Amino acid sequence: MDDEEFKQRLEELIEDRHSGASELARLGLEIAAQCAQSAEVKKTIELRHYLAERAEALGAVRPSMSPLKNLMEEWKESLEVLPDEVNEARVTATENAMHLAEQSTKASFEAAALTSALVGDNKTIITHSFSSTVLEVFHLLKSRSVRAIVPESRPLCEGGDLAEHLSQWDIPTTYITDAQVGLFAARADVAIVGADTLLADGSTINKAGTLLLAMAAHAEKVPFYVCCESFKICQQEEPPALEEMSPAELGTTQWPGVSVSNIYFDITPAHLITGWCTERGAPDPGIGGK
């Protein structure tokens, strides 16, 4: 993979609006594995340096999504103990990347399984945005008389993608505008969302609108759970930057004196979250001090 192709793959990760944070992290690991296979180097030390630079670039490309950075850092650490023979080192680096992707997939599935057991039968679930882990929760509950309330999640309406999946599984679903979350929260038994990042204090970064759902659920005394893999936990003291996307996504015209903001993520504080459901437990006792 030459520099130009690598830049193109980075741009694809930046522009991807439909894959969740975990899916993007696994795509990043796939790119890392391809870099290991195609690197034009003759010595392991050169391979290690080259791949470390690639890992740094991949880990920084979506700052609001911690699993990409976390998994890249783990992969980068594994580069320190590559075999001396360069072709063996390529194989090991590739296998390490694929193993981390498998760990991520397994953790997401286990988090979803624990969450589905926590929810139980005959419940109405309200959510926000599109999370592959929350989608798996619905998949596991599809034969257990669950219902869904799904906001659009503007501006690109990822909620529509979720509603389409639920329709295919014959899960009764009410599709609403984001502005109706306050009206519909009381009709749910439980709120479940995914996460792009879990902060060390239990606060959660997710698609903008998650905070409003958490506030509405709190006001209506509806339990609010965050379901995700533990690779999303960010240990740094300061939260990562909240990515802002193109104002053009809002479809507005250019009005004199009017600026358009399209911040894609918000932060839900820990006190609005009933519990965090990871592969380690549902609720996970190790997050948020609860």
C-alpha atoms as a PDB file:
ATOM      1  CA  MET A   1       0.000   0.000   0.000  1.00  0.00           C
ATOM      2  CA  ASP A   2       1.733   3.196  -1.186  1.00  0.00           C
ATOM      3  CA  ASP A   3       1.380   6.580   0.495  1.00  0.00           C
ATOM      4  CA  GLU A   4      -1.336   7.784  -1.865  1.00  0.00           C
ATOM      5  CA  GLU A   5      -3.507   4.715  -1.318  1.00  0.00           C
ATOM      6  CA  PHE A   6      -2.981   4.977   2.437  1.00  0.00           C
ATOM      7  CA  LYS A   7      -4.101   8.618   2.406  1.00  0.00           C
ATOM      8  CA  GLN A   8      -7.174   7.569   0.450  1.00  0.00           C
ATOM      9  CA  ARG A   9      -8.009   4.890   3.022  1.00  0.00           C
ATOM     10  CA  LEU A  10      -7.598   7.454   5.821  1.00  0.00           C
ATOM     11  CA  GLU A  11      -9.973   9.771   3.988  1.00  0.00           C
ATOM     12  CA  GLU A  12     -12.518   6.959   3.723  1.00  0.00           C
ATOM     13  CA  LEU A  13     -12.395   6.504   7.503  1.00  0.00           C
ATOM     14  CA  ILE A  14     -12.839  10.245   8.008  1.00  0.00           C
ATOM     15  CA  GLU A  15     -15.827  10.416   5.668  1.00  0.00           C
ATOM     16  CA  ASP A  16     -17.524   7.249   6.924  1.00  0.00           C
ATOM     17  CA  ARG A  17     -20.775   8.265   8.649  1.00  0.00           C
ATOM     18  CA  HIS A  18     -22.548   4.915   8.741  1.00  0.00           C
ATOM     19  CA  SER A  19     -20.057   2.586  10.458  1.00  0.00           C
ATOM     20  CA  GLY A  20     -19.959   2.604  14.238  1.00  0.00           C
ATOM     21  CA  ALA A  21     -16.781   3.269  16.197  1.00  0.00           C
ATOM     22  CA  SER A  22     -16.054  -0.436  16.671  1.00  0.00           C
ATOM     23  CA  GLU A  23     -16.554  -1.158  12.982  1.00  0.00           C
ATOM     24  CA  LEU A  24     -14.246   1.712  12.039  1.00  0.00           C
ATOM     25  CA  ALA A  25     -11.620   0.436  14.465  1.00  0.00           C
ATOM     26  CA  ARG A  26     -11.742  -2.990  12.818  1.00  0.00           C
ATOM     27  CA  LEU A  27     -11.465  -1.366   9.395  1.00  0.00           C
ATOM     28  CA  GLY A  28      -8.402   0.458  10.715  1.00  0.00           C
ATOM     29  CA  LEU A  29      -6.873  -2.842  11.804  1.00  0.00           C
ATOM     30  CA  GLU A  30      -7.592  -4.291   8.370  1.00  0.00           C
ATOM     31  CA  ILE A  31      -5.728  -1.369   6.793  1.00  0.00           C
ATOM     32  CA  ALA A  32      -2.875  -1.890   9.262  1.00  0.00           C
ATOM     33  CA  ALA A  33      -2.639  -5.555   8.269  1.00  0.00           C
ATOM     34  CA  GLN A  34      -2.517  -4.594   4.596  1.00  0.00           C
ATOM     35  CA  CYS A  35       0.291  -2.140   5.340  1.00  0.00           C
ATOM     36  CA  ALA A  36       2.251  -4.918   7.056  1.00  0.00           C
ATOM     37  CA  GLN A  37       1.853  -7.183   4.046  1.00  0.00           C
ATOM     38  CA  SER A  38       2.791  -4.604   1.421  1.00  0.00           C
ATOM     39  CA  ALA A  39       5.506  -2.516   3.117  1.00  0.00           C
ATOM     40  CA  GLU A  40       8.560  -2.141   0.880  1.00  0.00           C
ATOM     41  CA  VAL A  41      11.222  -2.739   3.522  1.00  0.00           C
ATOM     42  CA  LYS A  42      14.065  -5.213   3.926  1.00  0.00           C
ATOM     43  CA  LYS A  43      14.629  -5.214   7.678  1.00  0.00           C
ATOM     44  CA  THR A  44      12.338  -5.697  10.655  1.00  0.00           C
ATOM     45  CA  ILE A  45      13.502  -2.451  12.240  1.00  0.00           C
ATOM     46  CA  GLU A  46      12.381  -0.605   9.108  1.00  0.00           C
ATOM     47  CA  LEU A  47       9.049  -2.445   9.138  1.00  0.00           C
ATOM     48  CA  ARG A  48       8.525  -1.592  12.797  1.00  0.00           C
ATOM     49  CA  HIS A  49       9.176   2.114  12.187  1.00  0.00           C
ATOM     50  CA  TYR A  50       6.976   2.184   9.089  1.00  0.00           C
ATOM     51  CA  LEU A  51       4.047   0.437  10.777  1.00  0.00           C
ATOM     52  CA  ALA A  52       4.328   2.557  13.920  1.00  0.00           C
ATOM     53  CA  GLU A  53       3.879   5.667  11.775  1.00  0.00           C
ATOM     54  CA  ARG A  54       0.875   4.086  10.062  1.00  0.00           C
ATOM     55  CA  ALA A  55      -0.621   3.179  13.448  1.00  0.00           C
ATOM     56  CA  GLU A  56      -0.208   6.747  14.700  1.00  0.00           C
ATOM     57  CA  ALA A  57      -1.983   8.127  11.630  1.00  0.00           C
ATOM     58  CA  LEU A  58      -4.833   5.618  11.850  1.00  0.00           C
ATOM     59  CA  GLY A  59      -5.307   6.165  15.575  1.00  0.00           C
ATOM     60  CA  ALA A  60      -5.638   9.935  15.169  1.00  0.00           C
ATOM     61  CA  VAL A  61      -8.061  10.009  12.251  1.00  0.00           C
ATOM     62  CA  ARG A  62     -11.345   9.983  14.245  1.00  0.00           C
ATOM     63  CA  PRO A  63     -10.607  11.686  17.584  1.00  0.00           C
ATOM     64  CA  SER A  64     -14.113  11.228  19.025  1.00  0.00           C
ATOM     65  CA  MET A  65     -13.913   7.455  18.583  1.00  0.00           C
ATOM     66  CA  SER A  66     -11.609   5.879  21.174  1.00  0.00           C
ATOM     67  CA  PRO A  67     -11.560   2.239  20.000  1.00  0.00           C
ATOM     68  CA  LEU A  68      -9.629   3.165  16.869  1.00  0.00           C
ATOM     69  CA  LYS A  69      -6.941   4.892  18.933  1.00  0.00           C
ATOM     70  CA  ASN A  70      -6.943   2.231  21.671  1.00  0.00           C
ATOM     71  CA  LEU A  71      -6.645  -0.729  19.312  1.00  0.00           C
ATOM     72  CA  MET A  72      -3.967   1.010  17.263  1.00  0.00           C
ATOM     73  CA  GLU A  73      -1.957   1.658  20.402  1.00  0.00           C
ATOM     74  CA  GLU A  74      -2.192  -2.022  21.363  1.00  0.00           C
ATOM     75  CA  TRP A  75      -1.109  -3.038  17.869  1.00  0.00           C
ATOM     76  CA  LYS A  76       1.749  -0.543  17.953  1.00  0.00           C
ATOM     77  CA  GLU A  77       2.973  -2.026  21.238  1.00  0.00           C
ATOM     78  CA  SER A  78       2.945  -5.493  19.674  1.00  0.00           C
ATOM     79  CA  LEU A  79       5.355  -4.259  17.007  1.00  0.00           C
ATOM     80  CA  GLU A  80       8.113  -4.022  19.621  1.00  0.00           C
ATOM     81  CA  VAL A  81       8.444  -7.818  19.778  1.00  0.00           C
ATOM     82  CA  LEU A  82       8.325  -8.778  16.102  1.00  0.00           C
ATOM     83  CA  PRO A  83      10.591 -11.602  14.875  1.00  0.00           C
ATOM     84  CA  ASP A  84      13.991 -10.597  13.511  1.00  0.00           C
ATOM     85  CA  GLU A  85      13.348 -12.089  10.054  1.00  0.00           C
ATOM     86  CA  VAL A  86      11.364  -9.504   8.082  1.00  0.00           C
ATOM     87  CA  ASN A  87       8.907 -11.832   6.356  1.00  0.00           C
ATOM     88  CA  GLU A  88       8.105 -13.533   9.640  1.00  0.00           C
ATOM     89  CA  ALA A  89       7.663 -10.068  11.121  1.00  0.00           C
ATOM     90  CA  ARG A  90       5.129  -9.202   8.397  1.00  0.00           C
ATOM     91  CA  VAL A  91       3.119 -12.312   9.188  1.00  0.00           C
ATOM     92  CA  THR A  92       3.205 -11.632  12.925  1.00  0.00           C
ATOM     93  CA  ALA A  93       2.169  -7.990  12.536  1.00  0.00           C
ATOM     94  CA  THR A  94      -0.709  -9.041  10.277  1.00  0.00           C
ATOM     95  CA  GLU A  95      -1.832 -11.782  12.658  1.00  0.00           C
ATOM     96  CA  ASN A  96      -1.686  -9.381  15.619  1.00  0.00           C
ATOM     97  CA  ALA A  97      -3.939  -6.900  13.821  1.00  0.00           C
ATOM     98  CA  MET A  98      -6.458  -9.584  12.905  1.00  0.00           C
ATOM     99  CA  HIS A  99      -6.403 -10.981  16.443  1.00  0.00           C
ATOM    100  CA  LEU A 100      -7.245  -7.565  17.890  1.00  0.00           C
ATOM    101  CA  ALA A 101     -10.115  -7.218  15.407  1.00  0.00           C
ATOM    102  CA  GLU A 102     -11.426 -10.611  16.523  1.00  0.00           C
ATOM    103  CA  GLN A 103     -11.157  -9.573  20.174  1.00  0.00           C
ATOM    104  CA  SER A 104     -13.149  -6.427  19.417  1.00  0.00           C
ATOM    105  CA  THR A 105     -15.872  -8.386  17.610  1.00  0.00           C
ATOM    106  CA  LYS A 106     -16.092 -10.921  20.429  1.00  0.00           C
ATOM    107  CA  ALA A 107     -16.275  -8.189  23.083  1.00  0.00           C
ATOM    108  CA  SER A 108     -19.083  -6.403  21.252  1.00  0.00           C
ATOM    109  CA  PHE A 109     -21.082  -9.602  20.914  1.00  0.00           C
ATOM    110  CA  GLU A 110     -20.616 -10.458  24.589  1.00  0.00           C
ATOM    111  CA  ALA A 111     -21.659  -6.939  25.646  1.00  0.00           C
ATOM    112  CA  ALA A 112     -24.802  -7.273  23.525  1.00  0.00           C
ATOM    113  CA  ALA A 113     -25.598 -10.709  24.974  1.00  0.00           C
ATOM    114  CA  LEU A 114     -25.271  -9.458  28.551  1.00  0.00           C
ATOM    115  CA  THR A 115     -27.376  -6.398  27.755  1.00  0.00           C
ATOM    116  CA  SER A 116     -30.146  -8.445  26.144  1.00  0.00           C
ATOM    117  CA  ALA A 117     -30.310 -10.616  29.265  1.00  0.00           C
ATOM    118  CA  LEU A 118     -30.560  -7.473  31.403  1.00  0.00           C
ATOM    119  CA  VAL A 119     -33.450  -6.091  29.325  1.00  0.00           C
ATOM    120  CA  GLY A 120     -35.543  -9.257  29.261  1.00  0.00           C
ATOM    121  CA  ASP A 121     -38.847  -9.917  27.478  1.00  0.00           C
ATOM    122  CA  ASN A 122     -41.712  -7.718  26.325  1.00  0.00           C
ATOM    123  CA  LYS A 123     -39.939  -4.377  26.660  1.00  0.00           C
ATOM    124  CA  THR A 124     -40.048  -1.144  24.653  1.00  0.00           C
ATOM    125  CA  ILE A 125     -36.522   0.106  23.973  1.00  0.00           C
ATOM    126  CA  ILE A 126     -35.703   3.657  22.918  1.00  0.00           C
ATOM    127  CA  THR A 127     -32.273   4.276  21.396  1.00  0.00           C
ATOM    128  CA  HIS A 128     -30.392   6.856  19.335  1.00  0.00           C
ATOM    129  CA  SER A 129     -28.155   6.703  16.255  1.00  0.00           C
ATOM    130  CA  PHE A 130     -26.847   3.420  14.806  1.00  0.00           C
ATOM    131  CA  SER A 131     -24.698   1.121  16.911  1.00  0.00           C
ATOM    132  CA  SER A 132     -23.690  -2.326  15.671  1.00  0.00           C
ATOM    133  CA  THR A 133     -23.650  -3.516  19.296  1.00  0.00           C
ATOM    134  CA  VAL A 134     -27.151  -2.193  20.015  1.00  0.00           C
ATOM    135  CA  LEU A 135     -28.281  -3.732  16.726  1.00  0.00           C
ATOM    136  CA  GLU A 136     -27.041  -7.087  18.050  1.00  0.00           C
ATOM    137  CA  VAL A 137     -29.047  -6.503  21.252  1.00  0.00           C
ATOM    138  CA  PHE A 138     -32.190  -6.169  19.143  1.00  0.00           C
ATOM    139  CA  HIS A 139     -31.212  -9.234  17.115  1.00  0.00           C
ATOM    140  CA  LEU A 140     -30.926 -11.290  20.292  1.00  0.00           C
ATOM    141  CA  LEU A 141     -34.282  -9.974  21.527  1.00  0.00           C
ATOM    142  CA  LYS A 142     -36.230 -10.200  18.259  1.00  0.00           C
ATOM    143  CA  SER A 143     -38.201 -13.284  19.355  1.00  0.00           C
ATOM    144  CA  ARG A 144     -38.879 -11.917  22.842  1.00  0.00           C
ATOM    145  CA  SER A 145     -41.706  -9.460  22.106  1.00  0.00           C
ATOM    146  CA  VAL A 146     -39.604  -6.294  22.179  1.00  0.00           C
ATOM    147  CA  ARG A 147     -40.598  -3.016  20.573  1.00  0.00           C
ATOM    148  CA  ALA A 148     -38.419  -0.088  19.505  1.00  0.00           C
ATOM    149  CA  ILE A 149     -38.565   3.699  19.400  1.00  0.00           C
ATOM    150  CA  VAL A 150     -35.966   5.045  16.975  1.00  0.00           C
ATOM    151  CA  PRO A 151     -35.205   8.760  16.387  1.00  0.00           C
ATOM    152  CA  GLU A 152     -33.887   9.826  12.978  1.00  0.00           C
ATOM    153  CA  SER A 153     -30.455  10.859  14.301  1.00  0.00           C
ATOM    154  CA  ARG A 154     -29.987  13.743  11.938  1.00  0.00           C
ATOM    155  CA  PRO A 155     -28.362  15.031   9.833  1.00  0.00           C
ATOM    156  CA  LEU A 156     -27.712  11.774   7.941  1.00  0.00           C
ATOM    157  CA  CYS A 157     -30.475   9.834   9.704  1.00  0.00           C
ATOM    158  CA  GLU A 158     -28.599   6.722  10.801  1.00  0.00           C
ATOM    159  CA  GLY A 159     -31.743   5.877  12.740  1.00  0.00           C
ATOM    160  CA  GLY A 160     -33.350   5.027   9.430  1.00  0.00           C
ATOM    161  CA  ASP A 161     -30.754   2.308   8.864  1.00  0.00           C
ATOM    162  CA  LEU A 162     -31.580   0.843  12.268  1.00  0.00           C
ATOM    163  CA  ALA A 163     -35.325   1.012  11.634  1.00  0.00           C
ATOM    164  CA  GLU A 164     -34.842  -0.849   8.343  1.00  0.00           C
ATOM    165  CA  HIS A 165     -33.046  -3.705  10.122  1.00  0.00           C
ATOM    166  CA  LEU A 166     -35.729  -3.876  12.798  1.00  0.00           C
ATOM    167  CA  SER A 167     -38.433  -3.981  10.138  1.00  0.00           C
ATOM    168  CA  GLN A 168     -36.744  -6.962   8.510  1.00  0.00           C
ATOM    169  CA  TRP A 169     -36.823  -8.742  11.876  1.00  0.00           C
ATOM    170  CA  ASP A 170     -40.520  -7.902  12.426  1.00  0.00           C
ATOM    171  CA  ILE A 171     -39.746  -5.837  15.519  1.00  0.00           C
ATOM    172  CA  PRO A 172     -42.555  -3.259  15.959  1.00  0.00           C
ATOM    173  CA  THR A 173     -40.828   0.109  15.604  1.00  0.00           C
ATOM    174  CA  THR A 174     -41.896   3.730  15.979  1.00  0.00           C
ATOM    175  CA  TYR A 175     -39.656   6.046  13.937  1.00  0.00           C
ATOM    176  CA  ILE A 176     -39.610   9.644  15.193  1.00  0.00           C
ATOM    177  CA  THR A 177     -37.857  12.941  14.644  1.00  0.00           C
ATOM    178  CA  ASP A 178     -35.098  13.800  17.100  1.00  0.00           C
ATOM    179  CA  ALA A 179     -37.306  16.615  18.409  1.00  0.00           C
ATOM    180  CA  GLN A 180     -39.878  14.081  19.642  1.00  0.00           C
ATOM    181  CA  VAL A 181     -37.515  12.294  22.036  1.00  0.00           C
ATOM    182  CA  GLY A 182     -38.924  14.231  24.982  1.00  0.00           C
ATOM    183  CA  LEU A 183     -42.431  13.098  24.071  1.00  0.00           C
ATOM    184  CA  PHE A 184     -41.601   9.439  23.554  1.00  0.00           C
ATOM    185  CA  ALA A 185     -39.115   8.701  26.346  1.00  0.00           C
ATOM    186  CA  ALA A 186     -41.954   8.012  28.790  1.00  0.00           C
ATOM    187  CA  ARG A 187     -43.327   5.338  26.451  1.00  0.00           C
ATOM    188  CA  ALA A 188     -40.152   3.264  26.776  1.00  0.00           C
ATOM    189  CA  ASP A 189     -39.249   0.746  29.457  1.00  0.00           C
ATOM    190  CA  VAL A 190     -35.531   1.263  28.923  1.00  0.00           C
ATOM    191  CA  ALA A 191     -33.116   3.401  26.885  1.00  0.00           C
ATOM    192  CA  ILE A 192     -30.079   1.701  25.356  1.00  0.00           C
ATOM    193  CA  VAL A 193     -27.406   3.455  23.311  1.00  0.00           C
ATOM    194  CA  GLY A 194     -23.974   2.589  22.035  1.00  0.00           C
ATOM    195  CA  ALA A 195     -20.879   4.716  22.583  1.00  0.00           C
ATOM    196  CA  ASP A 196     -18.042   6.128  20.544  1.00  0.00           C
ATOM    197  CA  THR A 197     -15.994   6.732  23.690  1.00  0.00           C
ATOM    198  CA  LEU A 198     -16.362   6.016  27.404  1.00  0.00           C
ATOM    199  CA  LEU A 199     -14.484   8.521  29.548  1.00  0.00           C
ATOM    200  CA  ALA A 200     -12.740   7.445  32.736  1.00  0.00           C
ATOM    201  CA  ASP A 201     -15.444   9.026  34.923  1.00  0.00           C
ATOM    202  CA  GLY A 202     -18.207   7.147  33.088  1.00  0.00           C
ATOM    203  CA  SER A 203     -19.313  10.027  30.862  1.00  0.00           C
ATOM    204  CA  THR A 204     -20.105   8.914  27.340  1.00  0.00           C
ATOM    205  CA  ILE A 205     -19.370  10.405  23.942  1.00  0.00           C
ATOM    206  CA  ASN A 206     -21.906   9.380  21.303  1.00  0.00           C
ATOM    207  CA  LYS A 207     -23.808  10.823  18.355  1.00  0.00           C
ATOM    208  CA  ALA A 208     -25.246  14.262  19.107  1.00  0.00           C
ATOM    209  CA  GLY A 209     -28.720  13.848  20.550  1.00  0.00           C
ATOM    210  CA  THR A 210     -27.712  11.138  23.015  1.00  0.00           C
ATOM    211  CA  LEU A 211     -27.491  13.719  25.792  1.00  0.00           C
ATOM    212  CA  LEU A 212     -31.048  14.879  25.073  1.00  0.00           C
ATOM    213  CA  LEU A 213     -32.312  11.290  25.225  1.00  0.00           C
ATOM    214  CA  ALA A 214     -30.481  10.745  28.527  1.00  0.00           C
ATOM    215  CA  MET A 215     -32.024  13.906  29.983  1.00  0.00           C
ATOM    216  CA  ALA A 216     -35.505  12.889  28.821  1.00  0.00           C
ATOM    217  CA  ALA A 217     -35.061   9.361  30.193  1.00  0.00           C
ATOM    218  CA  HIS A 218     -33.821  10.753  33.512  1.00  0.00           C
ATOM    219  CA  ALA A 219     -36.838  13.074  33.773  1.00  0.00           C
ATOM    220  CA  GLU A 220     -39.202  10.151  33.129  1.00  0.00           C
ATOM    221  CA  LYS A 221     -37.292   7.749  35.429  1.00  0.00           C
ATOM    222  CA  VAL A 222     -36.541   5.435  32.495  1.00  0.00           C
ATOM    223  CA  PRO A 223     -33.296   3.415  32.963  1.00  0.00           C
ATOM    224  CA  PHE A 224     -30.570   4.576  30.562  1.00  0.00           C
ATOM    225  CA  TYR A 225     -27.838   2.068  29.648  1.00  0.00           C
ATOM    226  CA  VAL A 226     -24.703   2.414  27.527  1.00  0.00           C
ATOM    227  CA  CYS A 227     -23.786  -0.821  25.724  1.00  0.00           C
ATOM    228  CA  CYS A 228     -20.337  -1.204  24.186  1.00  0.00           C
ATOM    229  CA  GLU A 229     -17.029  -3.053  24.306  1.00  0.00           C
ATOM    230  CA  SER A 230     -14.431  -2.037  26.887  1.00  0.00           C
ATOM    231  CA  PHE A 231     -11.967  -1.080  24.104  1.00  0.00           C
ATOM    232  CA  LYS A 232     -13.928   2.199  24.036  1.00  0.00           C
ATOM    233  CA  ILE A 233     -12.737   3.309  27.466  1.00  0.00           C
ATOM    234  CA  CYS A 234     -10.520   6.392  27.197  1.00  0.00           C
ATOM    235  CA  GLN A 235      -8.156   6.873  30.133  1.00  0.00           C
ATOM    236  CA  GLN A 236      -6.926  10.375  29.315  1.00  0.00           C
ATOM    237  CA  GLU A 237      -8.061  13.119  31.699  1.00  0.00           C
ATOM    238  CA  GLU A 238      -9.293  15.519  29.033  1.00  0.00           C
ATOM    239  CA  PRO A 239     -12.063  14.287  26.720  1.00  0.00           C
ATOM    240  CA  PRO A 240     -11.113  13.936  23.051  1.00  0.00           C
ATOM    241  CA  ALA A 241     -12.247  16.529  20.567  1.00  0.00           C
ATOM    242  CA  LEU A 242     -15.860  16.404  19.428  1.00  0.00           C
ATOM    243  CA  GLU A 243     -15.699  16.113  15.656  1.00  0.00           C
ATOM    244  CA  GLU A 244     -17.496  18.713  13.567  1.00  0.00           C
ATOM    245  CA  MET A 245     -18.633  17.747  10.076  1.00  0.00           C
ATOM    246  CA  SER A 246     -19.478  19.764   6.996  1.00  0.00           C
ATOM    247  CA  PRO A 247     -22.337  22.274   7.422  1.00  0.00           C
ATOM    248  CA  ALA A 248     -23.504  21.160   3.972  1.00  0.00           C
ATOM    249  CA  GLU A 249     -24.914  18.001   5.587  1.00  0.00           C
ATOM    250  CA  LEU A 250     -27.668  20.126   7.106  1.00  0.00           C
ATOM    251  CA  GLY A 251     -28.910  21.083   3.643  1.00  0.00           C
ATOM    252  CA  THR A 252     -29.222  24.779   4.407  1.00  0.00           C
ATOM    253  CA  THR A 253     -28.749  27.681   2.036  1.00  0.00           C
ATOM    254  CA  GLN A 254     -26.246  30.440   2.748  1.00  0.00           C
ATOM    255  CA  TRP A 255     -27.995  33.156   4.720  1.00  0.00           C
ATOM    256  CA  PRO A 256     -26.062  36.384   5.356  1.00  0.00           C
ATOM    257  CA  GLY A 257     -24.970  36.585   8.971  1.00  0.00           C
ATOM    258  CA  VAL A 258     -25.952  32.981   9.761  1.00  0.00           C
ATOM    259  CA  SER A 259     -23.337  30.382  10.702  1.00  0.00           C
ATOM    260  CA  VAL A 260     -24.143  26.661  10.617  1.00  0.00           C
ATOM    261  CA  SER A 261     -22.818  24.209  13.219  1.00  0.00           C
ATOM    262  CA  ASN A 262     -22.704  20.451  12.672  1.00  0.00           C
ATOM    263  CA  ILE A 263     -20.978  19.024  15.750  1.00  0.00           C
ATOM    264  CA  TYR A 264     -21.461  15.281  15.429  1.00  0.00           C
ATOM    265  CA  PHE A 265     -21.059  14.129  19.023  1.00  0.00           C
ATOM    266  CA  ASP A 266     -22.079  15.155  22.511  1.00  0.00           C
ATOM    267  CA  ILE A 267     -21.087  14.097  26.031  1.00  0.00           C
ATOM    268  CA  THR A 268     -23.592  12.471  28.371  1.00  0.00           C
ATOM    269  CA  PRO A 269     -22.447  12.888  32.004  1.00  0.00           C
ATOM    270  CA  ALA A 270     -22.189   9.826  34.205  1.00  0.00           C
ATOM    271  CA  HIS A 271     -24.956  10.907  36.576  1.00  0.00           C
ATOM    272  CA  LEU A 272     -27.518  10.507  33.783  1.00  0.00           C
ATOM    273  CA  ILE A 273     -26.423   6.920  33.059  1.00  0.00           C
ATOM    274  CA  THR A 274     -28.000   4.040  34.967  1.00  0.00           C
ATOM    275  CA  GLY A 275     -25.275   1.585  34.000  1.00  0.00           C
ATOM    276  CA  TRP A 276     -22.609   0.631  31.484  1.00  0.00           C
ATOM    277  CA  CYS A 277     -22.867  -2.762  29.788  1.00  0.00           C
ATOM    278  CA  THR A 278     -19.594  -4.165  28.458  1.00  0.00           C
ATOM    279  CA  GLU A 279     -18.270  -7.679  27.899  1.00  0.00           C
ATOM    280  CA  ARG A 280     -17.110  -7.557  31.536  1.00  0.00           C
ATOM    281  CA  GLY A 281     -20.625  -7.284  32.947  1.00  0.00           C
ATOM    282  CA  ALA A 282     -24.066  -5.739  32.640  1.00  0.00           C
ATOM    283  CA  PRO A 283     -23.913  -3.418  34.428  1.00  0.00           C
ATOM    284  CA  ASP A 284     -20.110  -3.272  34.462  1.00  0.00           C
ATOM    285  CA  PRO A 285     -19.065  -2.412  38.049  1.00  0.00           C
ATOM    286  CA  GLY A 286     -15.711  -1.052  36.909  1.00  0.00           C
ATOM    287  CA  ILE A 287     -17.036   2.063  35.148  1.00  0.00           C
ATOM    288  CA  GLY A 288     -18.225   5.323  36.620  1.00  0.00           C
ATOM    289  CA  GLY A 289     -17.615   4.318  40.200  1.00  0.00           C
ATOM    290  CA  LYS A 290     -20.987   2.564  40.383  1.00  0.00           C
END
